[in-house]
PDB file of N, CA and C in Angstrom:
ATOM      1  N   MET A   1      13.564  10.206   7.365  1.00  0.00           N
ATOM      2  CA  MET A   1      14.261   9.848   6.792  1.00  0.00           C
ATOM      3  C   MET A   1      13.729   7.785   7.098  1.00  0.00           C
ATOM      4  N   LYS A   2      13.989   7.457   8.490  1.00  0.00           N
ATOM      5  CA  LYS A   2      13.658   6.490   9.245  1.00  0.00           C
ATOM      6  C   LYS A   2      12.162   5.689   8.740  1.00  0.00           C
ATOM      7  N   THR A   3      11.291   7.269   8.714  1.00  0.00           N
ATOM      8  CA  THR A   3       9.653   6.813   8.792  1.00  0.00           C
ATOM      9  C   THR A   3       9.459   6.899   7.538  1.00  0.00           C
ATOM     10  N   LYS A   4      10.228   7.214   6.437  1.00  0.00           N
ATOM     11  CA  LYS A   4       9.892   7.296   5.144  1.00  0.00           C
ATOM     12  C   LYS A   4      10.202   5.628   4.597  1.00  0.00           C
ATOM     13  N   ILE A   5      10.845   4.770   5.575  1.00  0.00           N
ATOM     14  CA  ILE A   5      11.517   3.961   5.055  1.00  0.00           C
ATOM     15  C   ILE A   5      10.375   2.606   5.654  1.00  0.00           C
ATOM     16  N   LEU A   6       9.920   2.869   6.795  1.00  0.00           N
ATOM     17  CA  LEU A   6       9.102   2.530   7.081  1.00  0.00           C
ATOM     18  C   LEU A   6       7.664   2.431   6.440  1.00  0.00           C
ATOM     19  N   LEU A   7       7.032   3.610   5.985  1.00  0.00           N
ATOM     20  CA  LEU A   7       5.788   4.093   5.537  1.00  0.00           C
ATOM     21  C   LEU A   7       6.161   3.127   4.008  1.00  0.00           C
ATOM     22  N   ILE A   8       7.157   3.235   3.396  1.00  0.00           N
ATOM     23  CA  ILE A   8       7.073   2.095   2.173  1.00  0.00           C
ATOM     24  C   ILE A   8       7.231   0.860   2.522  1.00  0.00           C
ATOM     25  N   THR A   9       8.247   0.554   3.475  1.00  0.00           N
ATOM     26  CA  THR A   9       7.886  -0.920   3.834  1.00  0.00           C
ATOM     27  C   THR A   9       6.695  -1.728   3.899  1.00  0.00           C
ATOM     28  N   LEU A  10       5.628  -0.636   4.751  1.00  0.00           N
ATOM     29  CA  LEU A  10       4.688  -1.044   5.770  1.00  0.00           C
ATOM     30  C   LEU A  10       3.523  -1.302   3.991  1.00  0.00           C
ATOM     31  N   ALA A  11       3.802  -0.014   3.372  1.00  0.00           N
ATOM     32  CA  ALA A  11       2.734  -0.416   2.048  1.00  0.00           C
ATOM     33  C   ALA A  11       3.143  -1.356   1.371  1.00  0.00           C
ATOM     34  N   LEU A  12       3.850  -2.103   1.139  1.00  0.00           N
ATOM     35  CA  LEU A  12       4.798  -2.751   0.332  1.00  0.00           C
ATOM     36  C   LEU A  12       3.905  -4.182   0.508  1.00  0.00           C
ATOM     37  N   LEU A  13       3.968  -4.061   2.511  1.00  0.00           N
ATOM     38  CA  LEU A  13       3.720  -5.351   2.992  1.00  0.00           C
ATOM     39  C   LEU A  13       1.749  -5.455   2.665  1.00  0.00           C
ATOM     40  N   THR A  14       1.401  -4.625   3.120  1.00  0.00           N
ATOM     41  CA  THR A  14      -0.077  -4.562   3.101  1.00  0.00           C
ATOM     42  C   THR A  14      -0.120  -4.247   1.914  1.00  0.00           C
ATOM     43  N   THR A  15      -0.062  -4.018   0.508  1.00  0.00           N
ATOM     44  CA  THR A  15      -0.394  -4.146  -0.813  1.00  0.00           C
ATOM     45  C   THR A  15      -0.282  -5.770  -0.985  1.00  0.00           C
ATOM     46  N   THR A  16       0.851  -6.584  -0.503  1.00  0.00           N
ATOM     47  CA  THR A  16       1.069  -8.133  -0.751  1.00  0.00           C
ATOM     48  C   THR A  16       0.475  -8.636  -0.271  1.00  0.00           C
ATOM     49  N   GLN A  17      -0.155  -8.340   0.738  1.00  0.00           N
ATOM     50  CA  GLN A  17      -1.343  -9.504   2.026  1.00  0.00           C
ATOM     51  C   GLN A  17      -2.570  -9.235   0.813  1.00  0.00           C
ATOM     52  N   ALA A  18      -2.720  -9.046  -0.352  1.00  0.00           N
ATOM     53  CA  ALA A  18      -4.055  -8.925  -1.172  1.00  0.00           C
ATOM     54  C   ALA A  18      -5.079 -10.825  -1.488  1.00  0.00           C
ATOM     55  N   ASN A  19      -5.038 -11.408  -0.405  1.00  0.00           N
ATOM     56  CA  ASN A  19      -5.930 -12.549  -0.717  1.00  0.00           C
ATOM     57  C   ASN A  19      -6.693 -12.694   0.975  1.00  0.00           C
ATOM     58  N   ALA A  20      -7.700 -11.883   0.739  1.00  0.00           N
ATOM     59  CA  ALA A  20      -9.147 -11.958   1.568  1.00  0.00           C
ATOM     60  C   ALA A  20      -9.681 -13.006   1.915  1.00  0.00           C
ATOM     61  N   PHE A  21     -11.035 -12.981   2.772  1.00  0.00           N
ATOM     62  CA  PHE A  21     -11.865 -14.103   2.958  1.00  0.00           C
ATOM     63  C   PHE A  21     -12.221 -14.614   1.657  1.00  0.00           C
ATOM     64  N   ASP A  22     -12.697 -13.454   0.507  1.00  0.00           N
ATOM     65  CA  ASP A  22     -12.814 -13.933  -0.346  1.00  0.00           C
ATOM     66  C   ASP A  22     -11.699 -13.287  -1.574  1.00  0.00           C
ATOM     67  N   LYS A  23     -11.610 -14.446  -2.728  1.00  0.00           N
ATOM     68  CA  LYS A  23      -9.983 -14.822  -3.135  1.00  0.00           C
ATOM     69  C   LYS A  23     -10.119 -13.523  -4.159  1.00  0.00           C
ATOM     70  N   TRP A  24      -9.036 -12.777  -4.248  1.00  0.00           N
ATOM     71  CA  TRP A  24      -8.795 -11.327  -4.915  1.00  0.00           C
ATOM     72  C   TRP A  24      -8.799 -11.957  -6.314  1.00  0.00           C
ATOM     73  N   THR A  25      -8.923 -11.125  -7.254  1.00  0.00           N
ATOM     74  CA  THR A  25      -8.818 -10.877  -8.403  1.00  0.00           C
ATOM     75  C   THR A  25      -7.365 -10.139  -8.837  1.00  0.00           C
ATOM     76  N   LYS A  26      -6.973 -10.456 -10.200  1.00  0.00           N
ATOM     77  CA  LYS A  26      -5.635  -9.863 -10.415  1.00  0.00           C
ATOM     78  C   LYS A  26      -6.241  -7.876 -10.855  1.00  0.00           C
ATOM     79  N   GLN A  27      -7.762  -7.910 -11.048  1.00  0.00           N
ATOM     80  CA  GLN A  27      -7.463  -6.431 -11.232  1.00  0.00           C
ATOM     81  C   GLN A  27      -7.723  -5.642  -9.518  1.00  0.00           C
ATOM     82  N   GLU A  28      -8.316  -6.592  -9.073  1.00  0.00           N
ATOM     83  CA  GLU A  28      -8.222  -5.830  -7.593  1.00  0.00           C
ATOM     84  C   GLU A  28      -7.038  -5.867  -6.754  1.00  0.00           C
ATOM     85  N   LYS A  29      -6.316  -6.849  -7.358  1.00  0.00           N
ATOM     86  CA  LYS A  29      -4.472  -6.472  -6.491  1.00  0.00           C
ATOM     87  C   LYS A  29      -3.446  -4.948  -7.117  1.00  0.00           C
ATOM     88  N   GLN A  30      -4.029  -4.970  -8.745  1.00  0.00           N
ATOM     89  CA  GLN A  30      -3.519  -4.089  -9.292  1.00  0.00           C
ATOM     90  C   GLN A  30      -3.981  -2.523  -8.359  1.00  0.00           C
ATOM     91  N   ARG A  31      -5.751  -2.837  -8.569  1.00  0.00           N
ATOM     92  CA  ARG A  31      -6.440  -1.234  -7.582  1.00  0.00           C
ATOM     93  C   ARG A  31      -5.916  -1.224  -6.520  1.00  0.00           C
ATOM     94  N   GLN A  32      -5.188  -2.264  -6.087  1.00  0.00           N
ATOM     95  CA  GLN A  32      -4.974  -2.349  -4.436  1.00  0.00           C
ATOM     96  C   GLN A  32      -3.564  -1.699  -4.504  1.00  0.00           C
ATOM     97  N   ILE A  33      -2.957  -1.923  -5.291  1.00  0.00           N
ATOM     98  CA  ILE A  33      -1.346  -1.283  -5.413  1.00  0.00           C
ATOM     99  C   ILE A  33      -1.017  -0.020  -6.011  1.00  0.00           C
ATOM    100  N   VAL A  34      -2.302   0.186  -7.079  1.00  0.00           N
ATOM    101  CA  VAL A  34      -2.588   2.064  -7.317  1.00  0.00           C
ATOM    102  C   VAL A  34      -2.491   2.663  -6.333  1.00  0.00           C
ATOM    103  N   LEU A  35      -3.777   2.212  -5.125  1.00  0.00           N
ATOM    104  CA  LEU A  35      -4.403   2.982  -4.023  1.00  0.00           C
ATOM    105  C   LEU A  35      -3.356   3.129  -2.868  1.00  0.00           C
ATOM    106  N   THR A  36      -2.372   2.205  -2.518  1.00  0.00           N
ATOM    107  CA  THR A  36      -1.486   2.302  -1.806  1.00  0.00           C
ATOM    108  C   THR A  36      -0.360   3.366  -3.085  1.00  0.00           C
ATOM    109  N   ALA A  37       0.020   3.292  -4.131  1.00  0.00           N
ATOM    110  CA  ALA A  37       1.406   4.184  -4.864  1.00  0.00           C
ATOM    111  C   ALA A  37       0.818   5.540  -3.905  1.00  0.00           C
ATOM    112  N   LEU A  38      -0.384   5.843  -4.869  1.00  0.00           N
ATOM    113  CA  LEU A  38      -1.314   7.180  -4.677  1.00  0.00           C
ATOM    114  C   LEU A  38      -1.516   7.597  -3.006  1.00  0.00           C
ATOM    115  N   HIS A  39      -1.732   6.737  -2.202  1.00  0.00           N
ATOM    116  CA  HIS A  39      -1.017   7.486  -1.068  1.00  0.00           C
ATOM    117  C   HIS A  39      -0.208   7.510  -0.188  1.00  0.00           C
ATOM    118  N   CYS A  40       0.881   7.120  -0.602  1.00  0.00           N
ATOM    119  CA  CYS A  40       2.456   7.244  -0.538  1.00  0.00           C
ATOM    120  C   CYS A  40       2.519   8.666  -1.485  1.00  0.00           C
ATOM    121  N   ILE A  41       2.188   8.969  -2.541  1.00  0.00           N
ATOM    122  CA  ILE A  41       2.983   9.847  -3.359  1.00  0.00           C
ATOM    123  C   ILE A  41       2.109  11.303  -2.236  1.00  0.00           C
ATOM    124  N   ASP A  42       1.066  11.214  -1.662  1.00  0.00           N
ATOM    125  CA  ASP A  42       0.346  12.524  -1.286  1.00  0.00           C
ATOM    126  C   ASP A  42       1.052  12.449   0.301  1.00  0.00           C
ATOM    127  N   TYR A  43       1.496  10.942   0.786  1.00  0.00           N
ATOM    128  CA  TYR A  43       2.395  11.451   1.966  1.00  0.00           C
ATOM    129  C   TYR A  43       3.248  12.385   1.560  1.00  0.00           C
ATOM    130  N   PHE A  44       4.407  11.816   0.681  1.00  0.00           N
ATOM    131  CA  PHE A  44       5.127  12.545   0.258  1.00  0.00           C
ATOM    132  C   PHE A  44       5.131  14.482  -0.017  1.00  0.00           C
ATOM    133  N   GLN A  45       4.282  13.896  -1.207  1.00  0.00           N
ATOM    134  CA  GLN A  45       3.340  15.779  -1.014  1.00  0.00           C
ATOM    135  C   GLN A  45       3.522  16.494   0.498  1.00  0.00           C
ATOM    136  N   THR A  46       2.541  15.882   1.341  1.00  0.00           N
ATOM    137  CA  THR A  46       2.269  16.208   2.576  1.00  0.00           C
ATOM    138  C   THR A  46       3.611  16.919   3.380  1.00  0.00           C
ATOM    139  N   CYS A  47       4.303  15.947   2.714  1.00  0.00           N
ATOM    140  CA  CYS A  47       6.140  16.027   3.885  1.00  0.00           C
ATOM    141  C   CYS A  47       6.286  17.789   3.280  1.00  0.00           C
ATOM    142  N   GLU A  48       5.851  17.259   1.895  1.00  0.00           N
ATOM    143  CA  GLU A  48       6.595  19.368   1.579  1.00  0.00           C
ATOM    144  C   GLU A  48       5.715  19.918   2.232  1.00  0.00           C
ATOM    145  N   ILE A  49       4.208  20.321   2.144  1.00  0.00           N
ATOM    146  CA  ILE A  49       3.786  21.100   3.025  1.00  0.00           C
ATOM    147  C   ILE A  49       3.963  21.492   4.002  1.00  0.00           C
ATOM    148  N   VAL A  50       4.257  20.165   5.175  1.00  0.00           N
ATOM    149  CA  VAL A  50       4.693  20.642   6.755  1.00  0.00           C
ATOM    150  C   VAL A  50       5.805  21.355   6.422  1.00  0.00           C
ATOM    151  N   ARG A  51       7.156  21.077   5.565  1.00  0.00           N
ATOM    152  CA  ARG A  51       8.251  21.742   5.516  1.00  0.00           C
ATOM    153  C   ARG A  51       8.065  23.317   4.946  1.00  0.00           C
ATOM    154  N   ASN A  52       6.963  23.756   4.070  1.00  0.00           N
ATOM    155  CA  ASN A  52       6.854  25.038   3.623  1.00  0.00           C
ATOM    156  C   ASN A  52       5.616  25.767   3.909  1.00  0.00           C
ATOM    157  N   ASP A  53       5.664  26.701   4.750  1.00  0.00           N
ATOM    158  CA  ASP A  53       4.163  27.670   5.333  1.00  0.00           C
ATOM    159  C   ASP A  53       3.802  27.963   3.863  1.00  0.00           C
ATOM    160  N   LYS A  54       4.431  28.330   2.843  1.00  0.00           N
ATOM    161  CA  LYS A  54       3.866  28.403   1.637  1.00  0.00           C
ATOM    162  C   LYS A  54       2.298  27.784   0.913  1.00  0.00           C
ATOM    163  N   TYR A  55       2.334  26.809   1.673  1.00  0.00           N
ATOM    164  CA  TYR A  55       1.000  25.726   1.698  1.00  0.00           C
ATOM    165  C   TYR A  55       0.654  25.558   2.729  1.00  0.00           C
ATOM    166  N   TYR A  56      -0.858  24.726   2.777  1.00  0.00           N
ATOM    167  CA  TYR A  56      -0.874  24.316   3.815  1.00  0.00           C
ATOM    168  C   TYR A  56      -2.223  23.174   3.824  1.00  0.00           C
ATOM    169  N   GLU A  57      -2.224  22.981   4.519  1.00  0.00           N
ATOM    170  CA  GLU A  57      -2.965  21.162   4.371  1.00  0.00           C
ATOM    171  C   GLU A  57      -4.707  21.352   4.610  1.00  0.00           C
ATOM    172  N   MET A  58      -5.033  20.811   3.648  1.00  0.00           N
ATOM    173  CA  MET A  58      -7.050  20.707   3.103  1.00  0.00           C
ATOM    174  C   MET A  58      -7.353  19.613   3.969  1.00  0.00           C
ATOM    175  N   ASN A  59      -7.063  18.651   4.022  1.00  0.00           N
ATOM    176  CA  ASN A  59      -7.487  17.048   5.565  1.00  0.00           C
ATOM    177  C   ASN A  59      -7.831  18.008   6.518  1.00  0.00           C
ATOM    178  N   PRO A  60      -8.991  18.217   7.306  1.00  0.00           N
ATOM    179  CA  PRO A  60      -9.382  18.449   7.963  1.00  0.00           C
ATOM    180  C   PRO A  60      -9.117  17.923   9.411  1.00  0.00           C
ATOM    181  N   ILE A  61      -8.565  16.346   9.314  1.00  0.00           N
ATOM    182  CA  ILE A  61      -8.177  15.427  10.122  1.00  0.00           C
ATOM    183  C   ILE A  61      -7.213  16.373  10.924  1.00  0.00           C
ATOM    184  N   LEU A  62      -5.949  16.725   9.858  1.00  0.00           N
ATOM    185  CA  LEU A  62      -4.561  16.898  10.177  1.00  0.00           C
ATOM    186  C   LEU A  62      -4.725  18.312  10.503  1.00  0.00           C
ATOM    187  N   GLY A  63      -5.570  19.107   9.785  1.00  0.00           N
ATOM    188  CA  GLY A  63      -5.580  19.985  10.331  1.00  0.00           C
ATOM    189  C   GLY A  63      -4.458  21.432   8.936  1.00  0.00           C
ATOM    190  N   ARG A  64      -4.384  22.245   9.189  1.00  0.00           N
ATOM    191  CA  ARG A  64      -3.779  22.951   8.393  1.00  0.00           C
ATOM    192  C   ARG A  64      -2.331  23.242   8.316  1.00  0.00           C
ATOM    193  N   HIS A  65      -1.329  23.102   9.100  1.00  0.00           N
ATOM    194  CA  HIS A  65      -0.025  22.627  10.038  1.00  0.00           C
ATOM    195  C   HIS A  65      -0.051  21.853  10.826  1.00  0.00           C
ATOM    196  N   PRO A  66      -0.224  20.333  10.118  1.00  0.00           N
ATOM    197  CA  PRO A  66       0.001  19.210  10.863  1.00  0.00           C
ATOM    198  C   PRO A  66       1.867  18.873  11.172  1.00  0.00           C
ATOM    199  N   SER A  67       1.976  18.977  12.599  1.00  0.00           N
ATOM    200  CA  SER A  67       3.547  18.258  12.464  1.00  0.00           C
ATOM    201  C   SER A  67       3.654  16.791  11.841  1.00  0.00           C
ATOM    202  N   ILE A  68       5.308  17.018  11.715  1.00  0.00           N
ATOM    203  CA  ILE A  68       5.454  15.680  10.621  1.00  0.00           C
ATOM    204  C   ILE A  68       4.797  15.057  11.692  1.00  0.00           C
ATOM    205  N   LYS A  69       4.800  14.666  13.028  1.00  0.00           N
ATOM    206  CA  LYS A  69       4.332  13.496  13.322  1.00  0.00           C
ATOM    207  C   LYS A  69       3.237  12.949  13.611  1.00  0.00           C
ATOM    208  N   GLN A  70       2.469  13.853  13.337  1.00  0.00           N
ATOM    209  CA  GLN A  70       1.135  13.797  13.119  1.00  0.00           C
ATOM    210  C   GLN A  70       0.866  13.235  12.120  1.00  0.00           C
ATOM    211  N   LEU A  71       1.768  13.647  11.112  1.00  0.00           N
ATOM    212  CA  LEU A  71       1.304  13.320   9.502  1.00  0.00           C
ATOM    213  C   LEU A  71       2.120  11.496   9.574  1.00  0.00           C
ATOM    214  N   ASN A  72       2.415  11.660   9.936  1.00  0.00           N
ATOM    215  CA  ASN A  72       3.386   9.889  10.391  1.00  0.00           C
ATOM    216  C   ASN A  72       2.151   8.821  10.659  1.00  0.00           C
ATOM    217  N   TYR A  73       1.294   9.786  11.763  1.00  0.00           N
ATOM    218  CA  TYR A  73       0.375   8.625  12.386  1.00  0.00           C
ATOM    219  C   TYR A  73      -0.614   8.567  11.682  1.00  0.00           C
ATOM    220  N   TYR A  74      -0.953   9.283  10.902  1.00  0.00           N
ATOM    221  CA  TYR A  74      -2.333   9.679  10.267  1.00  0.00           C
ATOM    222  C   TYR A  74      -2.012   8.845   8.639  1.00  0.00           C
ATOM    223  N   ALA A  75      -0.843   9.110   8.089  1.00  0.00           N
ATOM    224  CA  ALA A  75      -0.651   8.583   7.337  1.00  0.00           C
ATOM    225  C   ALA A  75      -0.362   6.726   7.353  1.00  0.00           C
ATOM    226  N   ILE A  76       0.295   6.497   8.551  1.00  0.00           N
ATOM    227  CA  ILE A  76       0.440   5.184   8.683  1.00  0.00           C
ATOM    228  C   ILE A  76      -1.034   4.685   9.045  1.00  0.00           C
ATOM    229  N   SER A  77      -1.670   5.378  10.270  1.00  0.00           N
ATOM    230  CA  SER A  77      -3.154   4.540  10.671  1.00  0.00           C
ATOM    231  C   SER A  77      -4.123   4.626   9.005  1.00  0.00           C
ATOM    232  N   SER A  78      -3.769   5.845   8.225  1.00  0.00           N
ATOM    233  CA  SER A  78      -4.770   5.640   7.140  1.00  0.00           C
ATOM    234  C   SER A  78      -4.442   4.713   6.398  1.00  0.00           C
ATOM    235  N   ILE A  79      -3.492   4.302   5.969  1.00  0.00           N
ATOM    236  CA  ILE A  79      -2.923   3.092   4.767  1.00  0.00           C
ATOM    237  C   ILE A  79      -3.570   1.772   5.659  1.00  0.00           C
ATOM    238  N   LEU A  80      -3.344   1.656   6.630  1.00  0.00           N
ATOM    239  CA  LEU A  80      -3.548   0.393   7.677  1.00  0.00           C
ATOM    240  C   LEU A  80      -5.212   0.325   7.006  1.00  0.00           C
ATOM    241  N   PHE A  81      -6.226   1.506   7.612  1.00  0.00           N
ATOM    242  CA  PHE A  81      -7.381   0.919   7.297  1.00  0.00           C
ATOM    243  C   PHE A  81      -7.832   1.165   6.106  1.00  0.00           C
ATOM    244  N   LYS A  82      -7.137   1.536   5.111  1.00  0.00           N
ATOM    245  CA  LYS A  82      -8.029   1.321   4.016  1.00  0.00           C
ATOM    246  C   LYS A  82      -7.736  -0.292   3.102  1.00  0.00           C
ATOM    247  N   THR A  83      -6.342  -0.558   3.697  1.00  0.00           N
ATOM    248  CA  THR A  83      -5.605  -1.959   2.944  1.00  0.00           C
ATOM    249  C   THR A  83      -7.216  -2.682   4.453  1.00  0.00           C
ATOM    250  N   THR A  84      -6.924  -2.900   5.735  1.00  0.00           N
ATOM    251  CA  THR A  84      -7.923  -3.628   6.394  1.00  0.00           C
ATOM    252  C   THR A  84      -9.823  -3.828   5.779  1.00  0.00           C
ATOM    253  N   LEU A  85     -10.164  -2.392   5.538  1.00  0.00           N
ATOM    254  CA  LEU A  85     -11.548  -2.214   5.000  1.00  0.00           C
ATOM    255  C   LEU A  85     -11.269  -2.981   4.146  1.00  0.00           C
ATOM    256  N   THR A  86     -10.297  -2.942   2.767  1.00  0.00           N
ATOM    257  CA  THR A  86     -10.483  -4.056   1.453  1.00  0.00           C
ATOM    258  C   THR A  86     -10.510  -5.152   1.966  1.00  0.00           C
ATOM    259  N   TYR A  87      -9.688  -5.191   3.081  1.00  0.00           N
ATOM    260  CA  TYR A  87      -9.206  -7.303   2.869  1.00  0.00           C
ATOM    261  C   TYR A  87     -10.163  -7.279   3.326  1.00  0.00           C
ATOM    262  N   VAL A  88     -11.312  -6.969   3.977  1.00  0.00           N
ATOM    263  CA  VAL A  88     -12.717  -7.782   4.419  1.00  0.00           C
ATOM    264  C   VAL A  88     -13.795  -7.582   3.777  1.00  0.00           C
ATOM    265  N   LEU A  89     -13.458  -6.552   2.789  1.00  0.00           N
ATOM    266  CA  LEU A  89     -15.410  -6.421   2.092  1.00  0.00           C
ATOM    267  C   LEU A  89     -15.382  -7.635   1.251  1.00  0.00           C
ATOM    268  N   PRO A  90     -16.468  -8.368   1.273  1.00  0.00           N
ATOM    269  CA  PRO A  90     -16.564  -9.534  -0.009  1.00  0.00           C
ATOM    270  C   PRO A  90     -16.669  -8.474  -1.243  1.00  0.00           C
ATOM    271  N   HIS A  91     -15.916  -9.980  -2.103  1.00  0.00           N
ATOM    272  CA  HIS A  91     -15.822  -9.288  -3.743  1.00  0.00           C
ATOM    273  C   HIS A  91     -16.647  -8.496  -3.942  1.00  0.00           C
ATOM    274  N   LYS A  92     -17.876  -8.490  -3.715  1.00  0.00           N
ATOM    275  CA  LYS A  92     -19.023  -7.567  -4.144  1.00  0.00           C
ATOM    276  C   LYS A  92     -19.002  -6.160  -4.547  1.00  0.00           C
ATOM    277  N   TYR A  93     -18.235  -5.408  -2.680  1.00  0.00           N
ATOM    278  CA  TYR A  93     -18.031  -4.645  -2.737  1.00  0.00           C
ATOM    279  C   TYR A  93     -16.406  -3.517  -2.829  1.00  0.00           C
ATOM    280  N   ARG A  94     -15.719  -4.868  -2.681  1.00  0.00           N
ATOM    281  CA  ARG A  94     -14.126  -4.454  -2.646  1.00  0.00           C
ATOM    282  C   ARG A  94     -13.596  -3.374  -3.540  1.00  0.00           C
ATOM    283  N   ARG A  95     -14.721  -3.349  -5.118  1.00  0.00           N
ATOM    284  CA  ARG A  95     -13.730  -2.625  -6.140  1.00  0.00           C
ATOM    285  C   ARG A  95     -14.104  -1.189  -6.235  1.00  0.00           C
ATOM    286  N   TYR A  96     -15.633  -1.510  -5.107  1.00  0.00           N
ATOM    287  CA  TYR A  96     -16.129   0.037  -5.075  1.00  0.00           C
ATOM    288  C   TYR A  96     -15.352   0.964  -4.039  1.00  0.00           C
ATOM    289  N   ALA A  97     -14.923   0.130  -3.060  1.00  0.00           N
ATOM    290  CA  ALA A  97     -14.019   0.780  -1.962  1.00  0.00           C
ATOM    291  C   ALA A  97     -12.665   1.215  -2.679  1.00  0.00           C
ATOM    292  N   GLN A  98     -12.002   0.311  -3.389  1.00  0.00           N
ATOM    293  CA  GLN A  98     -10.942   0.564  -4.129  1.00  0.00           C
ATOM    294  C   GLN A  98     -10.909   1.843  -4.892  1.00  0.00           C
ATOM    295  N   CYS A  99     -11.966   1.809  -5.772  1.00  0.00           N
ATOM    296  CA  CYS A  99     -12.649   2.500  -6.475  1.00  0.00           C
ATOM    297  C   CYS A  99     -12.454   4.270  -5.962  1.00  0.00           C
ATOM    298  N   VAL A 100     -13.708   4.200  -4.979  1.00  0.00           N
ATOM    299  CA  VAL A 100     -13.140   5.464  -3.878  1.00  0.00           C
ATOM    300  C   VAL A 100     -11.785   6.007  -3.126  1.00  0.00           C
ATOM    301  N   PHE A 101     -11.548   4.765  -2.944  1.00  0.00           N
ATOM    302  CA  PHE A 101      -9.895   5.485  -1.824  1.00  0.00           C
ATOM    303  C   PHE A 101      -9.142   6.464  -3.341  1.00  0.00           C
ATOM    304  N   ILE A 102      -8.740   5.328  -4.103  1.00  0.00           N
ATOM    305  CA  ILE A 102      -8.438   5.711  -5.577  1.00  0.00           C
ATOM    306  C   ILE A 102      -8.661   7.175  -5.762  1.00  0.00           C
ATOM    307  N   GLY A 103      -9.909   7.317  -5.366  1.00  0.00           N
ATOM    308  CA  GLY A 103     -10.316   8.937  -6.189  1.00  0.00           C
ATOM    309  C   GLY A 103      -9.863   9.792  -5.336  1.00  0.00           C
ATOM    310  N   LEU A 104     -10.046   9.693  -4.309  1.00  0.00           N
ATOM    311  CA  LEU A 104      -9.973  10.807  -3.236  1.00  0.00           C
ATOM    312  C   LEU A 104      -8.073  11.318  -2.846  1.00  0.00           C
ATOM    313  N   SER A 105      -7.644  10.039  -3.009  1.00  0.00           N
ATOM    314  CA  SER A 105      -5.913  10.450  -3.224  1.00  0.00           C
ATOM    315  C   SER A 105      -6.120  11.004  -4.364  1.00  0.00           C
ATOM    316  N   GLY A 106      -6.318  10.115  -5.728  1.00  0.00           N
ATOM    317  CA  GLY A 106      -5.805  10.463  -7.036  1.00  0.00           C
ATOM    318  C   GLY A 106      -6.257  12.222  -7.087  1.00  0.00           C
ATOM    319  N   THR A 107      -7.381  12.754  -6.562  1.00  0.00           N
ATOM    320  CA  THR A 107      -7.586  14.286  -6.610  1.00  0.00           C
ATOM    321  C   THR A 107      -6.313  14.759  -5.512  1.00  0.00           C
ATOM    322  N   CYS A 108      -6.147  14.234  -4.553  1.00  0.00           N
ATOM    323  CA  CYS A 108      -5.809  14.951  -3.684  1.00  0.00           C
ATOM    324  C   CYS A 108      -4.003  14.972  -4.231  1.00  0.00           C
ATOM    325  N   VAL A 109      -3.651  13.977  -5.218  1.00  0.00           N
ATOM    326  CA  VAL A 109      -2.506  14.116  -5.767  1.00  0.00           C
ATOM    327  C   VAL A 109      -2.184  14.934  -6.805  1.00  0.00           C
ATOM    328  N   LEU A 110      -3.764  15.299  -7.230  1.00  0.00           N
ATOM    329  CA  LEU A 110      -3.586  16.052  -8.225  1.00  0.00           C
ATOM    330  C   LEU A 110      -3.590  17.637  -8.265  1.00  0.00           C
ATOM    331  N   ASN A 111      -4.527  17.622  -7.033  1.00  0.00           N
ATOM    332  CA  ASN A 111      -4.774  18.667  -6.762  1.00  0.00           C
ATOM    333  C   ASN A 111      -3.112  19.566  -6.154  1.00  0.00           C
ATOM    334  N   ASN A 112      -2.291  18.724  -5.294  1.00  0.00           N
ATOM    335  CA  ASN A 112      -1.131  19.174  -4.637  1.00  0.00           C
ATOM    336  C   ASN A 112      -0.624  20.045  -6.086  1.00  0.00           C
ATOM    337  N   TYR A 113      -0.329  18.759  -6.947  1.00  0.00           N
ATOM    338  CA  TYR A 113       0.520  18.402  -8.372  1.00  0.00           C
ATOM    339  C   TYR A 113       0.127  20.340  -8.875  1.00  0.00           C
ATOM    340  N   SER A 114      -0.739  20.501  -8.613  1.00  0.00           N
ATOM    341  CA  SER A 114      -1.622  21.753  -9.888  1.00  0.00           C
ATOM    342  C   SER A 114      -0.927  22.920  -9.316  1.00  0.00           C
ATOM    343  N   ILE A 115      -0.780  22.785  -7.875  1.00  0.00           N
ATOM    344  CA  ILE A 115      -0.385  24.039  -6.946  1.00  0.00           C
ATOM    345  C   ILE A 115       1.558  24.136  -6.551  1.00  0.00           C
ATOM    346  N   GLY A 116       1.792  22.781  -7.239  1.00  0.00           N
ATOM    347  CA  GLY A 116       3.565  22.644  -7.500  1.00  0.00           C
ATOM    348  C   GLY A 116       4.246  22.010  -6.209  1.00  0.00           C
ATOM    349  N   ILE A 117       3.862  21.191  -5.902  1.00  0.00           N
ATOM    350  CA  ILE A 117       3.910  20.350  -4.929  1.00  0.00           C
ATOM    351  C   ILE A 117       4.352  19.245  -5.634  1.00  0.00           C
ATOM    352  N   ARG A 118       5.433  18.830  -5.581  1.00  0.00           N
ATOM    353  CA  ARG A 118       6.089  17.720  -5.795  1.00  0.00           C
ATOM    354  C   ARG A 118       6.731  16.832  -4.681  1.00  0.00           C
ATOM    355  N   VAL A 119       6.963  15.675  -5.741  1.00  0.00           N
ATOM    356  CA  VAL A 119       7.644  14.648  -4.724  1.00  0.00           C
ATOM    357  C   VAL A 119       8.244  14.916  -4.498  1.00  0.00           C
ATOM    358  N   SER A 120       9.606  14.594  -3.275  1.00  0.00           N
ATOM    359  CA  SER A 120      10.686  15.142  -3.070  1.00  0.00           C
ATOM    360  C   SER A 120      10.944  13.288  -2.007  1.00  0.00           C
ATOM    361  N   PHE A 121      12.045  12.939  -1.846  1.00  0.00           N
ATOM    362  CA  PHE A 121      13.085  12.068  -1.048  1.00  0.00           C
ATOM    363  C   PHE A 121      13.894  12.455   0.023  1.00  0.00           C
TER     364      PHE A 121
END
């Protein structure tokens, strides 16, 4: 439970830091919130995969059956990477990075949902 609270807090903190080298537009801030929300949903779905041998993880970095410790490390590192990269990118490229990250996370969330993996707290 502590890890989930930490992840949510980290997500909220990184999302609110949407003031980079180039001033963020309202749309960029909104995309960052969507990106972070999808990342958190994917994390919680992957927690279900870790707890249930019926499913396996498709992320090659995590492997088919990661431990909760591996998942926590990956989730925190991943959101920090995505937020930092988006933060430092010039306005011209920020939208593209956010859309790619949203597309990847969204695809994972939808795939997990389609096979019956739901979010639980």
